[in-house]
Amino acid sequence: LVAERVRAGGTIVLNADGEPLAAAPGRRLVDAHLKRVVFFSLDPDSPEVRPHLAAGGTAYWADDRHLWEGVGDQTRRLGRVAAVPATLGGLARFQVANVLAAVTAAAGVGVPARWAVPALQGFDSDPS
């Protein structure tokens, strides 16, 4: 598991919608208490994300229309899902998950989500 190899003080990005990954912070070799755990989810009411936020953690999620960032009890709308071309207007849910993973990973290395989302909104994969 890659989370086991993240250095102390580093950030572990986990998909809260994947049961084995969501459980990773509880694994002995992960040492989650020495690392920053950040979740992302397609479910705005994720059973993993809500308690994580309540404990002061950070998470990113999508509802039917928007991408969101939460830190503790503070939330911020980051942008419209449909504005990211790769999501095909929000219909390609796996791409919405990929966008959330990218935003979460970028934030984990210090790129603010408020910069990452507009960058993804400007990325057009049309080859013409």
N, C-alpha and C. Protein backbone atom coordinates (compact mmCIF):
# COMPACT_ATOMS: atom_id res chain seq x y z
N LEU A 1 0.84 -1.18 0.00
CA LEU A 1 0.00 0.00 0.00
C LEU A 1 0.89 1.24 0.00
N VAL A 2 0.65 2.15 -0.92
CA VAL A 2 1.46 3.36 -1.05
C VAL A 2 1.40 4.21 0.22
N ALA A 3 0.25 4.25 0.88
CA ALA A 3 0.12 5.06 2.10
C ALA A 3 1.15 4.68 3.16
N GLU A 4 1.60 3.45 3.14
CA GLU A 4 2.62 3.00 4.09
C GLU A 4 3.97 3.63 3.81
N ARG A 5 4.18 4.09 2.59
CA ARG A 5 5.47 4.64 2.19
C ARG A 5 5.53 6.16 2.27
N VAL A 6 4.42 6.82 2.57
CA VAL A 6 4.42 8.27 2.70
C VAL A 6 5.21 8.62 3.95
N ARG A 7 6.12 9.58 3.80
CA ARG A 7 6.99 9.95 4.92
C ARG A 7 6.20 10.61 6.05
N ALA A 8 6.72 10.58 7.22
CA ALA A 8 6.11 11.29 8.36
C ALA A 8 5.99 12.76 7.99
N GLY A 9 4.83 13.33 8.25
CA GLY A 9 4.58 14.72 7.89
C GLY A 9 4.03 14.90 6.48
N GLY A 10 4.03 13.83 5.70
CA GLY A 10 3.51 13.89 4.34
C GLY A 10 1.99 13.76 4.31
N THR A 11 1.43 13.82 3.11
CA THR A 11 -0.02 13.76 2.93
C THR A 11 -0.41 12.48 2.21
N ILE A 12 -1.40 11.81 2.76
CA ILE A 12 -1.98 10.62 2.13
C ILE A 12 -3.31 11.04 1.52
N VAL A 13 -3.47 10.83 0.22
CA VAL A 13 -4.72 11.14 -0.49
C VAL A 13 -5.48 9.83 -0.66
N LEU A 14 -6.72 9.79 -0.12
CA LEU A 14 -7.50 8.56 -0.16
C LEU A 14 -8.89 8.78 -0.73
N ASN A 15 -9.32 7.83 -1.54
CA ASN A 15 -10.68 7.82 -2.07
C ASN A 15 -11.60 7.27 -0.98
N ALA A 16 -12.44 8.14 -0.44
CA ALA A 16 -13.34 7.72 0.63
C ALA A 16 -14.42 6.77 0.14
N ASP A 17 -14.61 6.69 -1.17
CA ASP A 17 -15.64 5.81 -1.74
C ASP A 17 -15.15 4.38 -1.92
N GLY A 18 -13.86 4.16 -1.78
CA GLY A 18 -13.29 2.81 -1.90
C GLY A 18 -13.03 2.24 -0.52
N GLU A 19 -13.81 1.26 -0.13
CA GLU A 19 -13.76 0.73 1.24
C GLU A 19 -12.34 0.37 1.70
N PRO A 20 -11.56 -0.38 0.91
CA PRO A 20 -10.22 -0.72 1.40
C PRO A 20 -9.34 0.52 1.60
N LEU A 21 -9.46 1.51 0.70
CA LEU A 21 -8.65 2.72 0.84
C LEU A 21 -9.12 3.57 2.01
N ALA A 22 -10.42 3.68 2.16
CA ALA A 22 -10.95 4.49 3.26
C ALA A 22 -10.52 3.95 4.61
N ALA A 23 -10.27 2.67 4.68
CA ALA A 23 -9.85 2.05 5.93
C ALA A 23 -8.34 2.15 6.17
N ALA A 24 -7.59 2.63 5.20
CA ALA A 24 -6.13 2.66 5.29
C ALA A 24 -5.59 3.39 6.52
N PRO A 25 -6.19 4.52 6.94
CA PRO A 25 -5.62 5.19 8.12
C PRO A 25 -5.59 4.32 9.37
N GLY A 26 -6.43 3.32 9.45
CA GLY A 26 -6.45 2.43 10.61
C GLY A 26 -5.42 1.31 10.55
N ARG A 27 -4.73 1.18 9.43
CA ARG A 27 -3.72 0.13 9.31
C ARG A 27 -2.47 0.48 10.11
N ARG A 28 -1.95 -0.48 10.79
CA ARG A 28 -0.79 -0.27 11.66
C ARG A 28 0.40 0.35 10.93
N LEU A 29 0.73 -0.14 9.74
CA LEU A 29 1.91 0.33 9.03
C LEU A 29 1.73 1.70 8.38
N VAL A 30 0.51 2.20 8.32
CA VAL A 30 0.28 3.52 7.71
C VAL A 30 0.72 4.64 8.64
N ASP A 31 0.62 4.45 9.94
CA ASP A 31 1.00 5.48 10.92
C ASP A 31 0.30 6.81 10.62
N ALA A 32 -1.02 6.76 10.46
CA ALA A 32 -1.78 7.95 10.07
C ALA A 32 -1.61 9.11 11.05
N HIS A 33 -1.30 8.81 12.29
CA HIS A 33 -1.10 9.89 13.26
C HIS A 33 0.14 10.73 12.95
N LEU A 34 1.03 10.20 12.13
CA LEU A 34 2.25 10.92 11.74
C LEU A 34 2.11 11.59 10.37
N LYS A 35 0.96 11.40 9.72
CA LYS A 35 0.76 11.90 8.37
C LYS A 35 -0.56 12.65 8.28
N ARG A 36 -0.69 13.46 7.28
CA ARG A 36 -1.94 14.18 7.04
C ARG A 36 -2.78 13.35 6.07
N VAL A 37 -3.98 12.97 6.49
CA VAL A 37 -4.89 12.19 5.65
C VAL A 37 -5.91 13.15 5.05
N VAL A 38 -6.06 13.11 3.73
CA VAL A 38 -7.04 13.93 3.03
C VAL A 38 -7.88 13.00 2.16
N PHE A 39 -9.19 13.09 2.32
CA PHE A 39 -10.12 12.26 1.55
C PHE A 39 -10.73 13.03 0.39
N PHE A 40 -11.15 12.27 -0.64
CA PHE A 40 -12.03 12.82 -1.68
C PHE A 40 -13.16 11.83 -1.89
N SER A 41 -14.31 12.36 -2.36
CA SER A 41 -15.49 11.50 -2.50
C SER A 41 -16.48 12.08 -3.51
N LEU A 42 -17.17 11.19 -4.19
CA LEU A 42 -18.29 11.58 -5.04
C LEU A 42 -19.58 11.72 -4.25
N ASP A 43 -19.54 11.33 -2.99
CA ASP A 43 -20.72 11.34 -2.13
C ASP A 43 -20.63 12.51 -1.15
N PRO A 44 -21.48 13.53 -1.31
CA PRO A 44 -21.42 14.67 -0.39
C PRO A 44 -21.75 14.29 1.06
N ASP A 45 -22.37 13.15 1.27
CA ASP A 45 -22.70 12.68 2.61
C ASP A 45 -21.89 11.44 2.99
N SER A 46 -20.69 11.35 2.46
CA SER A 46 -19.84 10.19 2.69
C SER A 46 -19.68 9.88 4.18
N PRO A 47 -19.87 8.61 4.53
CA PRO A 47 -19.68 8.22 5.94
C PRO A 47 -18.22 8.30 6.39
N GLU A 48 -17.30 8.43 5.46
CA GLU A 48 -15.89 8.61 5.82
C GLU A 48 -15.54 10.09 5.95
N VAL A 49 -16.08 10.90 5.04
CA VAL A 49 -15.71 12.31 4.98
C VAL A 49 -16.28 13.10 6.15
N ARG A 50 -17.55 12.91 6.47
CA ARG A 50 -18.18 13.73 7.50
C ARG A 50 -17.47 13.62 8.86
N PRO A 51 -17.18 12.41 9.37
CA PRO A 51 -16.46 12.34 10.65
C PRO A 51 -15.03 12.90 10.55
N HIS A 52 -14.41 12.72 9.38
CA HIS A 52 -13.06 13.24 9.17
C HIS A 52 -13.07 14.77 9.28
N LEU A 53 -14.05 15.41 8.66
CA LEU A 53 -14.18 16.86 8.76
C LEU A 53 -14.49 17.28 10.19
N ALA A 54 -15.38 16.55 10.84
CA ALA A 54 -15.75 16.87 12.22
C ALA A 54 -14.54 16.82 13.16
N ALA A 55 -13.56 16.00 12.81
CA ALA A 55 -12.34 15.90 13.60
C ALA A 55 -11.29 16.94 13.19
N GLY A 56 -11.68 17.86 12.28
CA GLY A 56 -10.76 18.91 11.85
C GLY A 56 -9.99 18.59 10.59
N GLY A 57 -10.31 17.46 9.94
CA GLY A 57 -9.59 17.05 8.74
C GLY A 57 -9.99 17.84 7.50
N THR A 58 -9.36 17.48 6.39
CA THR A 58 -9.59 18.12 5.09
C THR A 58 -10.14 17.08 4.12
N ALA A 59 -11.08 17.51 3.29
CA ALA A 59 -11.65 16.62 2.28
C ALA A 59 -12.17 17.43 1.10
N TYR A 60 -12.28 16.73 -0.02
CA TYR A 60 -12.83 17.31 -1.25
C TYR A 60 -13.93 16.38 -1.73
N TRP A 61 -15.02 16.94 -2.21
CA TRP A 61 -16.13 16.12 -2.69
C TRP A 61 -16.89 16.86 -3.77
N ALA A 62 -17.78 16.13 -4.41
CA ALA A 62 -18.64 16.69 -5.45
C ALA A 62 -20.08 16.36 -5.14
N ASP A 63 -20.95 17.31 -5.41
CA ASP A 63 -22.37 16.99 -5.43
C ASP A 63 -22.78 16.99 -6.91
N ASP A 64 -24.03 17.06 -7.22
CA ASP A 64 -24.45 16.98 -8.62
C ASP A 64 -23.98 18.17 -9.46
N ARG A 65 -23.66 19.27 -8.83
CA ARG A 65 -23.32 20.48 -9.58
C ARG A 65 -21.96 21.07 -9.29
N HIS A 66 -21.43 20.89 -8.09
CA HIS A 66 -20.23 21.61 -7.70
C HIS A 66 -19.16 20.72 -7.06
N LEU A 67 -17.95 21.25 -7.11
CA LEU A 67 -16.80 20.67 -6.40
C LEU A 67 -16.64 21.47 -5.11
N TRP A 68 -16.33 20.76 -4.02
CA TRP A 68 -16.25 21.39 -2.71
C TRP A 68 -14.96 21.04 -2.00
N GLU A 69 -14.52 21.95 -1.15
CA GLU A 69 -13.39 21.74 -0.25
C GLU A 69 -13.89 21.95 1.17
N GLY A 70 -13.52 21.08 2.06
CA GLY A 70 -13.87 21.25 3.46
C GLY A 70 -12.65 21.09 4.34
N VAL A 71 -12.55 21.96 5.31
CA VAL A 71 -11.51 21.88 6.33
C VAL A 71 -12.21 22.11 7.66
N GLY A 72 -12.30 21.05 8.45
CA GLY A 72 -13.04 21.16 9.70
C GLY A 72 -14.48 21.51 9.41
N ASP A 73 -14.97 22.57 10.03
CA ASP A 73 -16.37 22.96 9.81
C ASP A 73 -16.53 24.04 8.74
N GLN A 74 -15.46 24.35 8.03
CA GLN A 74 -15.50 25.35 6.96
C GLN A 74 -15.59 24.65 5.60
N THR A 75 -16.49 25.13 4.75
CA THR A 75 -16.59 24.59 3.39
C THR A 75 -16.48 25.72 2.39
N ARG A 76 -15.96 25.37 1.21
CA ARG A 76 -15.82 26.35 0.14
C ARG A 76 -16.19 25.68 -1.18
N ARG A 77 -17.06 26.32 -1.93
CA ARG A 77 -17.38 25.84 -3.27
C ARG A 77 -16.24 26.24 -4.19
N LEU A 78 -15.71 25.24 -4.92
CA LEU A 78 -14.55 25.46 -5.77
C LEU A 78 -14.90 25.74 -7.22
N GLY A 79 -16.03 25.27 -7.67
CA GLY A 79 -16.42 25.50 -9.07
C GLY A 79 -17.45 24.49 -9.51
N ARG A 80 -17.95 24.70 -10.70
CA ARG A 80 -18.96 23.82 -11.26
C ARG A 80 -18.31 22.57 -11.85
N VAL A 81 -18.87 21.41 -11.55
CA VAL A 81 -18.39 20.14 -12.10
C VAL A 81 -18.43 20.20 -13.63
N ALA A 82 -19.54 20.69 -14.18
CA ALA A 82 -19.73 20.70 -15.63
C ALA A 82 -18.74 21.60 -16.35
N ALA A 83 -18.08 22.51 -15.62
CA ALA A 83 -17.11 23.41 -16.24
C ALA A 83 -15.77 22.75 -16.51
N VAL A 84 -15.58 21.53 -16.01
CA VAL A 84 -14.34 20.79 -16.28
C VAL A 84 -14.62 19.90 -17.49
N PRO A 85 -14.01 20.21 -18.65
CA PRO A 85 -14.33 19.49 -19.89
C PRO A 85 -14.23 17.97 -19.78
N ALA A 86 -13.27 17.46 -19.03
CA ALA A 86 -13.07 16.01 -18.94
C ALA A 86 -14.28 15.30 -18.34
N THR A 87 -15.13 16.01 -17.60
CA THR A 87 -16.27 15.37 -16.96
C THR A 87 -17.47 15.23 -17.89
N LEU A 88 -17.35 15.74 -19.12
CA LEU A 88 -18.46 15.69 -20.09
C LEU A 88 -19.75 16.23 -19.48
N GLY A 89 -19.61 17.45 -18.95
CA GLY A 89 -20.76 18.10 -18.36
C GLY A 89 -21.17 17.50 -17.03
N GLY A 90 -20.29 16.75 -16.40
CA GLY A 90 -20.59 16.10 -15.13
C GLY A 90 -21.15 14.70 -15.27
N LEU A 91 -21.36 14.26 -16.53
CA LEU A 91 -21.95 12.93 -16.77
C LEU A 91 -20.95 11.79 -16.57
N ALA A 92 -19.69 12.06 -16.81
CA ALA A 92 -18.64 11.03 -16.65
C ALA A 92 -18.18 11.05 -15.19
N ARG A 93 -18.90 10.34 -14.34
CA ARG A 93 -18.62 10.39 -12.90
C ARG A 93 -17.21 9.89 -12.56
N PHE A 94 -16.69 8.93 -13.33
CA PHE A 94 -15.33 8.48 -13.05
C PHE A 94 -14.34 9.62 -13.29
N GLN A 95 -14.65 10.51 -14.24
CA GLN A 95 -13.78 11.66 -14.48
C GLN A 95 -13.93 12.70 -13.38
N VAL A 96 -15.13 12.83 -12.83
CA VAL A 96 -15.32 13.71 -11.68
C VAL A 96 -14.44 13.21 -10.52
N ALA A 97 -14.42 11.90 -10.32
CA ALA A 97 -13.55 11.32 -9.28
C ALA A 97 -12.08 11.60 -9.59
N ASN A 98 -11.70 11.51 -10.86
CA ASN A 98 -10.31 11.82 -11.23
C ASN A 98 -9.98 13.29 -10.98
N VAL A 99 -10.93 14.18 -11.26
CA VAL A 99 -10.73 15.60 -10.98
C VAL A 99 -10.53 15.81 -9.48
N LEU A 100 -11.38 15.18 -8.67
CA LEU A 100 -11.23 15.30 -7.22
C LEU A 100 -9.88 14.76 -6.75
N ALA A 101 -9.47 13.63 -7.31
CA ALA A 101 -8.16 13.06 -6.94
C ALA A 101 -7.04 14.02 -7.30
N ALA A 102 -7.12 14.62 -8.48
CA ALA A 102 -6.08 15.56 -8.92
C ALA A 102 -6.04 16.80 -8.03
N VAL A 103 -7.19 17.35 -7.71
CA VAL A 103 -7.26 18.53 -6.85
C VAL A 103 -6.73 18.21 -5.46
N THR A 104 -7.10 17.04 -4.94
CA THR A 104 -6.66 16.63 -3.61
C THR A 104 -5.15 16.42 -3.59
N ALA A 105 -4.63 15.76 -4.62
CA ALA A 105 -3.18 15.53 -4.69
C ALA A 105 -2.42 16.84 -4.84
N ALA A 106 -2.94 17.74 -5.67
CA ALA A 106 -2.30 19.05 -5.83
C ALA A 106 -2.26 19.80 -4.50
N ALA A 107 -3.37 19.79 -3.79
CA ALA A 107 -3.42 20.46 -2.49
C ALA A 107 -2.43 19.82 -1.52
N GLY A 108 -2.25 18.51 -1.64
CA GLY A 108 -1.33 17.80 -0.76
C GLY A 108 0.13 18.22 -0.93
N VAL A 109 0.45 18.75 -2.11
CA VAL A 109 1.82 19.22 -2.34
C VAL A 109 1.89 20.75 -2.34
N GLY A 110 0.81 21.39 -1.87
CA GLY A 110 0.86 22.83 -1.68
C GLY A 110 0.20 23.70 -2.74
N VAL A 111 -0.40 23.10 -3.76
CA VAL A 111 -1.11 23.89 -4.78
C VAL A 111 -2.53 24.10 -4.29
N PRO A 112 -2.92 25.35 -4.03
CA PRO A 112 -4.28 25.58 -3.54
C PRO A 112 -5.35 25.09 -4.51
N ALA A 113 -6.40 24.50 -3.95
CA ALA A 113 -7.50 24.01 -4.79
C ALA A 113 -8.09 25.13 -5.62
N ARG A 114 -8.06 26.34 -5.12
CA ARG A 114 -8.61 27.47 -5.87
C ARG A 114 -7.78 27.76 -7.12
N TRP A 115 -6.57 27.22 -7.22
CA TRP A 115 -5.77 27.31 -8.44
C TRP A 115 -5.94 26.06 -9.29
N ALA A 116 -6.01 24.91 -8.64
CA ALA A 116 -6.08 23.65 -9.38
C ALA A 116 -7.37 23.51 -10.17
N VAL A 117 -8.50 23.89 -9.58
CA VAL A 117 -9.79 23.72 -10.27
C VAL A 117 -9.85 24.56 -11.53
N PRO A 118 -9.52 25.85 -11.52
CA PRO A 118 -9.55 26.61 -12.78
C PRO A 118 -8.59 26.05 -13.83
N ALA A 119 -7.46 25.50 -13.38
CA ALA A 119 -6.54 24.89 -14.34
C ALA A 119 -7.20 23.70 -15.04
N LEU A 120 -7.91 22.88 -14.27
CA LEU A 120 -8.62 21.74 -14.87
C LEU A 120 -9.79 22.20 -15.73
N GLN A 121 -10.42 23.29 -15.36
CA GLN A 121 -11.52 23.84 -16.17
C GLN A 121 -11.01 24.34 -17.51
N GLY A 122 -9.76 24.78 -17.54
CA GLY A 122 -9.18 25.28 -18.78
C GLY A 122 -8.53 24.22 -19.64
N PHE A 123 -8.47 23.00 -19.14
CA PHE A 123 -7.84 21.92 -19.89
C PHE A 123 -8.86 21.31 -20.86
N ASP A 124 -8.57 21.47 -22.13
CA ASP A 124 -9.48 20.94 -23.16
C ASP A 124 -8.79 19.79 -23.87
N SER A 125 -9.40 18.65 -23.88
CA SER A 125 -8.79 17.47 -24.51
C SER A 125 -9.21 17.29 -25.95
N ASP A 126 -9.86 18.28 -26.54
CA ASP A 126 -10.29 18.20 -27.94
C ASP A 126 -9.05 18.26 -28.84
N PRO A 127 -8.78 17.22 -29.62
CA PRO A 127 -7.57 17.19 -30.45
C PRO A 127 -7.62 18.10 -31.68
N SER A 128 -8.75 18.68 -31.99
CA SER A 128 -8.82 19.52 -33.21
C SER A 128 -8.28 20.90 -33.02
